[in-house]
Amino acid sequence: MNQALFKTATFALLHFGVAFSVTFALTGSIAVATGVGLVEPLVNTLAFYFHERAWKRAEARRPTAARVTGADCGIVRAR
């Protein structure tokens, strides 16, 4: 399992537990807490997974220090 998927799965489990607990504490209803505890974290987990993938793509496109020179940044050095 790749790291992004594993991270997403552990986040989902944590989020399910928190969402259920908070909703149950506020409503006292197991049915409502189960519904909210399943739907909201599922949507949020999917959003998180794609958010992580977007950040990985952005990091891959970022130039590394080895490729960036003063000329690339518009810096002119006096001799």
PDB file of N, CA and C in Angstrom:
ATOM      1  N   MET A   1       0.866  -1.186   0.000  1.00  0.00           N
ATOM      2  CA  MET A   1       0.000   0.000   0.000  1.00  0.00           C
ATOM      3  C   MET A   1       0.901   1.233   0.000  1.00  0.00           C
ATOM      4  N   ASN A   2       0.620   2.187  -0.901  1.00  0.00           N
ATOM      5  CA  ASN A   2       1.474   3.372  -0.941  1.00  0.00           C
ATOM      6  C   ASN A   2       1.182   4.276   0.261  1.00  0.00           C
ATOM      7  N   GLN A   3       2.103   5.164   0.538  1.00  0.00           N
ATOM      8  CA  GLN A   3       2.020   5.992   1.737  1.00  0.00           C
ATOM      9  C   GLN A   3       0.781   6.880   1.753  1.00  0.00           C
ATOM     10  N   ALA A   4       0.432   7.476   0.625  1.00  0.00           N
ATOM     11  CA  ALA A   4      -0.735   8.363   0.588  1.00  0.00           C
ATOM     12  C   ALA A   4      -2.008   7.594   0.912  1.00  0.00           C
ATOM     13  N   LEU A   5      -2.127   6.377   0.392  1.00  0.00           N
ATOM     14  CA  LEU A   5      -3.318   5.570   0.652  1.00  0.00           C
ATOM     15  C   LEU A   5      -3.364   5.113   2.107  1.00  0.00           C
ATOM     16  N   PHE A   6      -2.229   4.695   2.658  1.00  0.00           N
ATOM     17  CA  PHE A   6      -2.167   4.285   4.061  1.00  0.00           C
ATOM     18  C   PHE A   6      -2.490   5.449   4.988  1.00  0.00           C
ATOM     19  N   LYS A   7      -1.919   6.598   4.687  1.00  0.00           N
ATOM     20  CA  LYS A   7      -2.167   7.807   5.475  1.00  0.00           C
ATOM     21  C   LYS A   7      -3.657   8.173   5.415  1.00  0.00           C
ATOM     22  N   THR A   8      -4.253   8.030   4.253  1.00  0.00           N
ATOM     23  CA  THR A   8      -5.672   8.322   4.082  1.00  0.00           C
ATOM     24  C   THR A   8      -6.526   7.365   4.906  1.00  0.00           C
ATOM     25  N   ALA A   9      -6.184   6.074   4.889  1.00  0.00           N
ATOM     26  CA  ALA A   9      -6.954   5.075   5.632  1.00  0.00           C
ATOM     27  C   ALA A   9      -6.890   5.320   7.140  1.00  0.00           C
ATOM     28  N   THR A  10      -5.709   5.633   7.662  1.00  0.00           N
ATOM     29  CA  THR A  10      -5.600   5.894   9.103  1.00  0.00           C
ATOM     30  C   THR A  10      -6.320   7.184   9.478  1.00  0.00           C
ATOM     31  N   PHE A  11      -6.244   8.188   8.599  1.00  0.00           N
ATOM     32  CA  PHE A  11      -6.976   9.431   8.828  1.00  0.00           C
ATOM     33  C   PHE A  11      -8.482   9.153   8.853  1.00  0.00           C
ATOM     34  N   ALA A  12      -8.945   8.305   7.952  1.00  0.00           N
ATOM     35  CA  ALA A  12     -10.375   7.979   7.880  1.00  0.00           C
ATOM     36  C   ALA A  12     -10.845   7.333   9.178  1.00  0.00           C
ATOM     37  N   LEU A  13     -10.093   6.373   9.692  1.00  0.00           N
ATOM     38  CA  LEU A  13     -10.477   5.710  10.946  1.00  0.00           C
ATOM     39  C   LEU A  13     -10.550   6.707  12.103  1.00  0.00           C
ATOM     40  N   LEU A  14      -9.563   7.556  12.201  1.00  0.00           N
ATOM     41  CA  LEU A  14      -9.559   8.580  13.241  1.00  0.00           C
ATOM     42  C   LEU A  14     -10.756   9.514  13.082  1.00  0.00           C
ATOM     43  N   HIS A  15     -10.994   9.943  11.859  1.00  0.00           N
ATOM     44  CA  HIS A  15     -12.073  10.886  11.597  1.00  0.00           C
ATOM     45  C   HIS A  15     -13.444  10.259  11.862  1.00  0.00           C
ATOM     46  N   PHE A  16     -13.633   9.000  11.477  1.00  0.00           N
ATOM     47  CA  PHE A  16     -14.897   8.317  11.766  1.00  0.00           C
ATOM     48  C   PHE A  16     -15.179   8.327  13.266  1.00  0.00           C
ATOM     49  N   GLY A  17     -14.157   7.984  14.055  1.00  0.00           N
ATOM     50  CA  GLY A  17     -14.318   7.947  15.514  1.00  0.00           C
ATOM     51  C   GLY A  17     -14.651   9.304  16.103  1.00  0.00           C
ATOM     52  N   VAL A  18     -13.962  10.320  15.663  1.00  0.00           N
ATOM     53  CA  VAL A  18     -14.205  11.677  16.169  1.00  0.00           C
ATOM     54  C   VAL A  18     -15.596  12.163  15.765  1.00  0.00           C
ATOM     55  N   ALA A  19     -15.946  11.991  14.497  1.00  0.00           N
ATOM     56  CA  ALA A  19     -17.259  12.455  14.022  1.00  0.00           C
ATOM     57  C   ALA A  19     -18.392  11.758  14.769  1.00  0.00           C
ATOM     58  N   PHE A  20     -18.274  10.445  14.947  1.00  0.00           N
ATOM     59  CA  PHE A  20     -19.310   9.707  15.678  1.00  0.00           C
ATOM     60  C   PHE A  20     -19.401  10.204  17.120  1.00  0.00           C
ATOM     61  N   SER A  21     -18.265  10.325  17.788  1.00  0.00           N
ATOM     62  CA  SER A  21     -18.246  10.726  19.205  1.00  0.00           C
ATOM     63  C   SER A  21     -18.826  12.118  19.420  1.00  0.00           C
ATOM     64  N   VAL A  22     -18.421  13.064  18.593  1.00  0.00           N
ATOM     65  CA  VAL A  22     -18.905  14.438  18.742  1.00  0.00           C
ATOM     66  C   VAL A  22     -20.408  14.504  18.457  1.00  0.00           C
ATOM     67  N   THR A  23     -20.840  13.838  17.388  1.00  0.00           N
ATOM     68  CA  THR A  23     -22.267  13.868  17.040  1.00  0.00           C
ATOM     69  C   THR A  23     -23.104  13.183  18.110  1.00  0.00           C
ATOM     70  N   PHE A  24     -22.617  12.073  18.640  1.00  0.00           N
ATOM     71  CA  PHE A  24     -23.356  11.389  19.702  1.00  0.00           C
ATOM     72  C   PHE A  24     -23.425  12.255  20.955  1.00  0.00           C
ATOM     73  N   ALA A  25     -22.325  12.914  21.289  1.00  0.00           N
ATOM     74  CA  ALA A  25     -22.312  13.789  22.472  1.00  0.00           C
ATOM     75  C   ALA A  25     -23.298  14.949  22.301  1.00  0.00           C
ATOM     76  N   LEU A  26     -23.440  15.450  21.089  1.00  0.00           N
ATOM     77  CA  LEU A  26     -24.342  16.582  20.850  1.00  0.00           C
ATOM     78  C   LEU A  26     -25.808  16.174  20.723  1.00  0.00           C
ATOM     79  N   THR A  27     -26.064  14.991  20.149  1.00  0.00           N
ATOM     80  CA  THR A  27     -27.453  14.600  19.878  1.00  0.00           C
ATOM     81  C   THR A  27     -27.978  13.505  20.795  1.00  0.00           C
ATOM     82  N   GLY A  28     -27.091  12.668  21.308  1.00  0.00           N
ATOM     83  CA  GLY A  28     -27.524  11.529  22.114  1.00  0.00           C
ATOM     84  C   GLY A  28     -28.142  10.413  21.280  1.00  0.00           C
ATOM     85  N   SER A  29     -28.075  10.539  19.972  1.00  0.00           N
ATOM     86  CA  SER A  29     -28.681   9.565  19.067  1.00  0.00           C
ATOM     87  C   SER A  29     -27.614   8.736  18.372  1.00  0.00           C
ATOM     88  N   ILE A  30     -27.686   7.419  18.569  1.00  0.00           N
ATOM     89  CA  ILE A  30     -26.737   6.531  17.897  1.00  0.00           C
ATOM     90  C   ILE A  30     -26.980   6.537  16.389  1.00  0.00           C
ATOM     91  N   ALA A  31     -28.243   6.596  15.982  1.00  0.00           N
ATOM     92  CA  ALA A  31     -28.565   6.592  14.545  1.00  0.00           C
ATOM     93  C   ALA A  31     -28.010   7.833  13.853  1.00  0.00           C
ATOM     94  N   VAL A  32     -28.234   8.993  14.431  1.00  0.00           N
ATOM     95  CA  VAL A  32     -27.734  10.234  13.833  1.00  0.00           C
ATOM     96  C   VAL A  32     -26.208  10.243  13.858  1.00  0.00           C
ATOM     97  N   ALA A  33     -25.630   9.821  14.978  1.00  0.00           N
ATOM     98  CA  ALA A  33     -24.167   9.799  15.096  1.00  0.00           C
ATOM     99  C   ALA A  33     -23.549   8.845  14.074  1.00  0.00           C
ATOM    100  N   THR A  34     -24.192   7.717  13.838  1.00  0.00           N
ATOM    101  CA  THR A  34     -23.690   6.768  12.842  1.00  0.00           C
ATOM    102  C   THR A  34     -23.776   7.372  11.442  1.00  0.00           C
ATOM    103  N   GLY A  35     -24.894   7.989  11.127  1.00  0.00           N
ATOM    104  CA  GLY A  35     -25.048   8.617   9.807  1.00  0.00           C
ATOM    105  C   GLY A  35     -24.017   9.697   9.569  1.00  0.00           C
ATOM    106  N   VAL A  36     -23.907  10.609  10.502  1.00  0.00           N
ATOM    107  CA  VAL A  36     -22.927  11.693  10.367  1.00  0.00           C
ATOM    108  C   VAL A  36     -21.516  11.119  10.425  1.00  0.00           C
ATOM    109  N   GLY A  37     -21.308  10.147  11.310  1.00  0.00           N
ATOM    110  CA  GLY A  37     -19.986   9.537  11.469  1.00  0.00           C
ATOM    111  C   GLY A  37     -19.509   8.790  10.233  1.00  0.00           C
ATOM    112  N   LEU A  38     -20.427   8.398   9.367  1.00  0.00           N
ATOM    113  CA  LEU A  38     -20.040   7.709   8.137  1.00  0.00           C
ATOM    114  C   LEU A  38     -19.964   8.643   6.933  1.00  0.00           C
ATOM    115  N   VAL A  39     -20.947   9.494   6.773  1.00  0.00           N
ATOM    116  CA  VAL A  39     -21.025  10.327   5.571  1.00  0.00           C
ATOM    117  C   VAL A  39     -19.971  11.438   5.572  1.00  0.00           C
ATOM    118  N   GLU A  40     -19.925  12.232   6.612  1.00  0.00           N
ATOM    119  CA  GLU A  40     -19.013  13.383   6.637  1.00  0.00           C
ATOM    120  C   GLU A  40     -17.546  12.951   6.528  1.00  0.00           C
ATOM    121  N   PRO A  41     -17.086  11.973   7.318  1.00  0.00           N
ATOM    122  CA  PRO A  41     -15.687  11.559   7.164  1.00  0.00           C
ATOM    123  C   PRO A  41     -15.376  10.924   5.806  1.00  0.00           C
ATOM    124  N   LEU A  42     -16.331  10.230   5.224  1.00  0.00           N
ATOM    125  CA  LEU A  42     -16.098   9.640   3.907  1.00  0.00           C
ATOM    126  C   LEU A  42     -15.810  10.735   2.873  1.00  0.00           C
ATOM    127  N   VAL A  43     -16.636  11.751   2.873  1.00  0.00           N
ATOM    128  CA  VAL A  43     -16.436  12.862   1.934  1.00  0.00           C
ATOM    129  C   VAL A  43     -15.120  13.581   2.243  1.00  0.00           C
ATOM    130  N   ASN A  44     -14.859  13.825   3.509  1.00  0.00           N
ATOM    131  CA  ASN A  44     -13.638  14.522   3.902  1.00  0.00           C
ATOM    132  C   ASN A  44     -12.401  13.685   3.588  1.00  0.00           C
ATOM    133  N   THR A  45     -12.478  12.370   3.754  1.00  0.00           N
ATOM    134  CA  THR A  45     -11.350  11.489   3.466  1.00  0.00           C
ATOM    135  C   THR A  45     -11.019  11.494   1.983  1.00  0.00           C
ATOM    136  N   LEU A  46     -12.031  11.455   1.143  1.00  0.00           N
ATOM    137  CA  LEU A  46     -11.789  11.529  -0.299  1.00  0.00           C
ATOM    138  C   LEU A  46     -11.133  12.860  -0.665  1.00  0.00           C
ATOM    139  N   ALA A  47     -11.618  13.934  -0.072  1.00  0.00           N
ATOM    140  CA  ALA A  47     -11.028  15.249  -0.335  1.00  0.00           C
ATOM    141  C   ALA A  47      -9.570  15.279   0.127  1.00  0.00           C
ATOM    142  N   PHE A  48      -9.298  14.690   1.283  1.00  0.00           N
ATOM    143  CA  PHE A  48      -7.933  14.646   1.822  1.00  0.00           C
ATOM    144  C   PHE A  48      -6.998  13.865   0.893  1.00  0.00           C
ATOM    145  N   TYR A  49      -7.460  12.727   0.381  1.00  0.00           N
ATOM    146  CA  TYR A  49      -6.637  11.904  -0.507  1.00  0.00           C
ATOM    147  C   TYR A  49      -6.233  12.698  -1.756  1.00  0.00           C
ATOM    148  N   PHE A  50      -7.194  13.367  -2.366  1.00  0.00           N
ATOM    149  CA  PHE A  50      -6.881  14.146  -3.564  1.00  0.00           C
ATOM    150  C   PHE A  50      -6.038  15.381  -3.228  1.00  0.00           C
ATOM    151  N   HIS A  51      -6.228  15.926  -2.048  1.00  0.00           N
ATOM    152  CA  HIS A  51      -5.407  17.042  -1.579  1.00  0.00           C
ATOM    153  C   HIS A  51      -3.953  16.593  -1.465  1.00  0.00           C
ATOM    154  N   GLU A  52      -3.716  15.428  -0.876  1.00  0.00           N
ATOM    155  CA  GLU A  52      -2.354  14.888  -0.753  1.00  0.00           C
ATOM    156  C   GLU A  52      -1.727  14.653  -2.121  1.00  0.00           C
ATOM    157  N   ARG A  53      -2.490  14.099  -3.038  1.00  0.00           N
ATOM    158  CA  ARG A  53      -1.976  13.843  -4.384  1.00  0.00           C
ATOM    159  C   ARG A  53      -1.603  15.145  -5.084  1.00  0.00           C
ATOM    160  N   ALA A  54      -2.422  16.172  -4.905  1.00  0.00           N
ATOM    161  CA  ALA A  54      -2.124  17.472  -5.506  1.00  0.00           C
ATOM    162  C   ALA A  54      -0.829  18.047  -4.937  1.00  0.00           C
ATOM    163  N   TRP A  55      -0.624  17.923  -3.635  1.00  0.00           N
ATOM    164  CA  TRP A  55       0.605  18.424  -3.015  1.00  0.00           C
ATOM    165  C   TRP A  55       1.822  17.651  -3.527  1.00  0.00           C
ATOM    166  N   LYS A  56       1.683  16.345  -3.706  1.00  0.00           N
ATOM    167  CA  LYS A  56       2.799  15.547  -4.228  1.00  0.00           C
ATOM    168  C   LYS A  56       3.166  16.009  -5.643  1.00  0.00           C
ATOM    169  N   ARG A  57       2.162  16.268  -6.475  1.00  0.00           N
ATOM    170  CA  ARG A  57       2.428  16.757  -7.832  1.00  0.00           C
ATOM    171  C   ARG A  57       3.093  18.131  -7.788  1.00  0.00           C
ATOM    172  N   ALA A  58       2.622  18.989  -6.901  1.00  0.00           N
ATOM    173  CA  ALA A  58       3.209  20.331  -6.781  1.00  0.00           C
ATOM    174  C   ALA A  58       4.659  20.246  -6.318  1.00  0.00           C
ATOM    175  N   GLU A  59       4.940  19.359  -5.378  1.00  0.00           N
ATOM    176  CA  GLU A  59       6.311  19.191  -4.897  1.00  0.00           C
ATOM    177  C   GLU A  59       7.211  18.643  -5.994  1.00  0.00           C
ATOM    178  N   ALA A  60       6.690  17.754  -6.818  1.00  0.00           N
ATOM    179  CA  ALA A  60       7.487  17.179  -7.903  1.00  0.00           C
ATOM    180  C   ALA A  60       7.831  18.228  -8.959  1.00  0.00           C
ATOM    181  N   ARG A  61       6.968  19.210  -9.136  1.00  0.00           N
ATOM    182  CA  ARG A  61       7.212  20.257 -10.134  1.00  0.00           C
ATOM    183  C   ARG A  61       8.108  21.368  -9.616  1.00  0.00           C
ATOM    184  N   ARG A  62       8.254  21.474  -8.308  1.00  0.00           N
ATOM    185  CA  ARG A  62       9.066  22.537  -7.728  1.00  0.00           C
ATOM    186  C   ARG A  62      10.530  22.308  -8.093  1.00  0.00           C
ATOM    187  N   PRO A  63      11.212  23.341  -8.564  1.00  0.00           N
ATOM    188  CA  PRO A  63      12.617  23.159  -8.923  1.00  0.00           C
ATOM    189  C   PRO A  63      13.465  22.877  -7.683  1.00  0.00           C
ATOM    190  N   THR A  64      14.440  22.005  -7.850  1.00  0.00           N
ATOM    191  CA  THR A  64      15.335  21.716  -6.731  1.00  0.00           C
ATOM    192  C   THR A  64      16.452  22.748  -6.706  1.00  0.00           C
ATOM    193  N   ALA A  65      17.153  22.821  -5.601  1.00  0.00           N
ATOM    194  CA  ALA A  65      18.237  23.792  -5.452  1.00  0.00           C
ATOM    195  C   ALA A  65      19.330  23.541  -6.480  1.00  0.00           C
ATOM    196  N   ALA A  66      19.535  22.295  -6.869  1.00  0.00           N
ATOM    197  CA  ALA A  66      20.587  21.974  -7.838  1.00  0.00           C
ATOM    198  C   ALA A  66      20.262  22.525  -9.225  1.00  0.00           C
ATOM    199  N   ARG A  67      18.990  22.645  -9.555  1.00  0.00           N
ATOM    200  CA  ARG A  67      18.608  23.115 -10.883  1.00  0.00           C
ATOM    201  C   ARG A  67      18.441  24.628 -10.956  1.00  0.00           C
ATOM    202  N   VAL A  68      18.301  25.279  -9.832  1.00  0.00           N
ATOM    203  CA  VAL A  68      18.064  26.722  -9.825  1.00  0.00           C
ATOM    204  C   VAL A  68      19.397  27.444  -9.709  1.00  0.00           C
ATOM    205  N   THR A  69      19.613  28.373 -10.619  1.00  0.00           N
ATOM    206  CA  THR A  69      20.835  29.183 -10.565  1.00  0.00           C
ATOM    207  C   THR A  69      20.432  30.640 -10.392  1.00  0.00           C
ATOM    208  N   GLY A  70      21.400  31.469 -10.144  1.00  0.00           N
ATOM    209  CA  GLY A  70      21.128  32.895 -10.024  1.00  0.00           C
ATOM    210  C   GLY A  70      20.504  33.462 -11.285  1.00  0.00           C
ATOM    211  N   ALA A  71      20.944  32.980 -12.443  1.00  0.00           N
ATOM    212  CA  ALA A  71      20.404  33.466 -13.718  1.00  0.00           C
ATOM    213  C   ALA A  71      18.925  33.096 -13.835  1.00  0.00           C
ATOM    214  N   ASP A  72      18.550  31.928 -13.323  1.00  0.00           N
ATOM    215  CA  ASP A  72      17.152  31.504 -13.366  1.00  0.00           C
ATOM    216  C   ASP A  72      16.258  32.428 -12.548  1.00  0.00           C
ATOM    217  N   CYS A  73      16.833  33.024 -11.526  1.00  0.00           N
ATOM    218  CA  CYS A  73      16.044  33.886 -10.638  1.00  0.00           C
ATOM    219  C   CYS A  73      16.160  35.345 -10.991  1.00  0.00           C
ATOM    220  N   GLY A  74      16.860  35.667 -12.049  1.00  0.00           N
ATOM    221  CA  GLY A  74      17.028  37.048 -12.441  1.00  0.00           C
ATOM    222  C   GLY A  74      18.095  37.763 -11.637  1.00  0.00           C
ATOM    223  N   ILE A  75      18.946  37.009 -10.971  1.00  0.00           N
ATOM    224  CA  ILE A  75      20.006  37.613 -10.162  1.00  0.00           C
ATOM    225  C   ILE A  75      21.257  37.742 -11.018  1.00  0.00           C
ATOM    226  N   VAL A  76      21.803  38.920 -11.003  1.00  0.00           N
ATOM    227  CA  VAL A  76      23.039  39.172 -11.754  1.00  0.00           C
ATOM    228  C   VAL A  76      24.118  39.470 -10.728  1.00  0.00           C
ATOM    229  N   ARG A  77      25.209  38.730 -10.834  1.00  0.00           N
ATOM    230  CA  ARG A  77      26.294  38.917  -9.868  1.00  0.00           C
ATOM    231  C   ARG A  77      27.400  39.760 -10.509  1.00  0.00           C
ATOM    232  N   ALA A  78      27.893  40.719  -9.748  1.00  0.00           N
ATOM    233  CA  ALA A  78      28.997  41.543 -10.220  1.00  0.00           C
ATOM    234  C   ALA A  78      30.305  40.765 -10.089  1.00  0.00           C
ATOM    235  N   ARG A  79      31.220  41.013 -11.013  1.00  0.00           N
ATOM    236  CA  ARG A  79      32.524  40.331 -10.942  1.00  0.00           C
ATOM    237  C   ARG A  79      33.550  41.174 -10.316  1.00  0.00           C
TER     238      ARG A  79
END
